[in-house]
Protein backbone atom coordinates (compact mmCIF):
# COMPACT_ATOMS: atom_id res chain seq x y z
CA MET A 1 -112.71 46.70 -7.16
CA LYS A 2 -110.16 44.98 -4.87
CA LYS A 3 -111.30 41.55 -6.12
CA TYR A 4 -110.84 42.71 -9.71
CA ILE A 5 -107.29 43.94 -9.03
CA ILE A 6 -106.35 40.79 -7.11
CA GLY A 7 -107.78 38.64 -9.92
CA LEU A 8 -105.88 40.62 -12.53
CA LEU A 9 -102.64 40.26 -10.55
CA LEU A 10 -103.15 36.48 -10.25
CA VAL A 11 -103.72 36.18 -14.00
CA MET A 12 -100.57 38.20 -14.67
CA LEU A 13 -98.58 35.99 -12.29
CA VAL A 14 -99.82 32.80 -13.98
CA LEU A 15 -98.98 34.20 -17.40
CA GLU A 16 -95.51 35.22 -16.24
CA VAL A 17 -94.77 31.73 -14.91
CA ALA A 18 -96.26 30.05 -18.00
CA CYS A 19 -94.29 32.27 -20.38
CA THR A 20 -90.93 31.90 -18.65
CA PRO A 21 -88.76 29.84 -21.01
CA THR A 22 -87.23 26.70 -19.57
CA LYS A 23 -83.56 26.06 -20.20
CA VAL A 24 -82.92 23.10 -22.48
CA ILE A 25 -79.95 21.08 -21.27
CA PRO A 26 -78.14 19.03 -23.92
CA GLU A 27 -78.45 15.28 -23.34
CA ASN A 28 -74.67 14.85 -22.98
CA LYS A 29 -74.66 17.27 -20.02
CA LEU A 30 -77.66 15.97 -18.00
CA CYS A 31 -76.88 14.92 -14.42
CA ALA A 32 -78.39 14.41 -10.99
CA VAL A 33 -75.27 14.52 -8.77
CA ASP A 34 -71.65 15.64 -9.13
CA THR A 35 -70.41 12.08 -9.63
CA ASP A 36 -72.47 11.86 -12.85
CA CYS A 37 -70.03 14.34 -14.45
CA VAL A 38 -66.52 13.96 -15.88
CA PRO A 39 -64.13 16.23 -17.82
CA ALA A 40 -65.26 16.69 -21.44
CA ASP A 41 -61.74 16.21 -22.84
CA CYS A 42 -58.87 13.90 -21.95
CA CYS A 43 -56.34 16.72 -21.72
CA HIS A 44 -56.75 20.29 -20.50
CA ALA A 45 -60.54 20.09 -20.24
CA LYS A 46 -62.47 23.33 -20.01
CA ASP A 47 -65.92 21.75 -19.72
CA SER A 48 -67.62 18.61 -18.44
CA VAL A 49 -70.12 16.03 -19.69
CA ASN A 50 -72.06 13.16 -18.14
CA LEU A 51 -70.57 9.67 -17.78
CA ASN A 52 -72.44 8.38 -20.85
CA SER A 53 -70.60 10.96 -22.98
CA ALA A 54 -67.17 10.58 -21.37
CA PRO A 55 -64.29 10.67 -23.82
CA ASN A 56 -62.26 7.49 -24.36
CA CYS A 57 -58.86 8.42 -22.99
CA GLU A 58 -57.32 4.96 -23.27
CA GLY A 59 -53.73 5.27 -24.48
CA MET A 60 -53.94 9.07 -24.46
CA MET A 61 -50.90 11.00 -23.25
CA CYS A 62 -51.24 14.57 -22.03
CA THR A 63 -48.62 17.18 -21.31
CA MET A 64 -47.90 17.91 -17.67
CA GLU A 65 -48.64 21.59 -18.27
CA CYS A 66 -51.18 23.36 -16.06
CA ALA A 67 -53.02 25.09 -18.89
CA PRO A 68 -54.83 28.23 -17.72
CA ASN A 69 -58.64 28.21 -17.42
CA THR A 70 -58.85 24.42 -17.47
CA LEU A 71 -59.51 21.73 -14.89
CA ASP A 72 -55.73 21.10 -14.80
CA CYS A 73 -53.89 21.18 -11.48
CA GLY A 74 -57.01 21.70 -9.40
CA GLN A 75 -57.95 25.01 -11.06
CA GLY A 76 -61.53 23.79 -11.22
CA GLU A 77 -63.75 20.79 -10.74
CA VAL A 78 -66.68 19.09 -12.43
CA LYS A 79 -70.05 19.70 -10.79
CA CYS A 80 -73.71 19.01 -11.43
CA VAL A 81 -75.28 22.47 -11.33
CA GLU A 82 -79.05 22.67 -11.78
CA LYS A 83 -79.04 19.22 -13.49
CA GLU A 84 -76.25 20.22 -15.92
CA CYS A 85 -72.61 19.08 -15.89
CA LYS A 86 -70.35 22.11 -15.68
CA ALA A 87 -66.69 22.90 -15.12
CA VAL A 88 -66.58 25.20 -12.12
CA MET A 89 -63.37 27.19 -11.89
CA LYS A 90 -61.93 28.18 -8.53
CA ASN A 91 -61.00 31.79 -7.87
């Protein structure tokens, strides 16, 4: 009886792992390390993308405003979190 229960528990564990959906990360946000990531927008960015998807900010002028909930003025930083570029806001 114990072998039956242990076997049943192992099958349930395998099914649980096999049925757990994996998160699909968009190609423009894939990363391996923090330095793979950059702000997603030239001005007042609220998100980040990988270097291959970096915006072209040549000739762009931004206001000097520290817009709330953006990467402006050190409010946050770009990070590679679980292989995904993210904007991580500081508290």
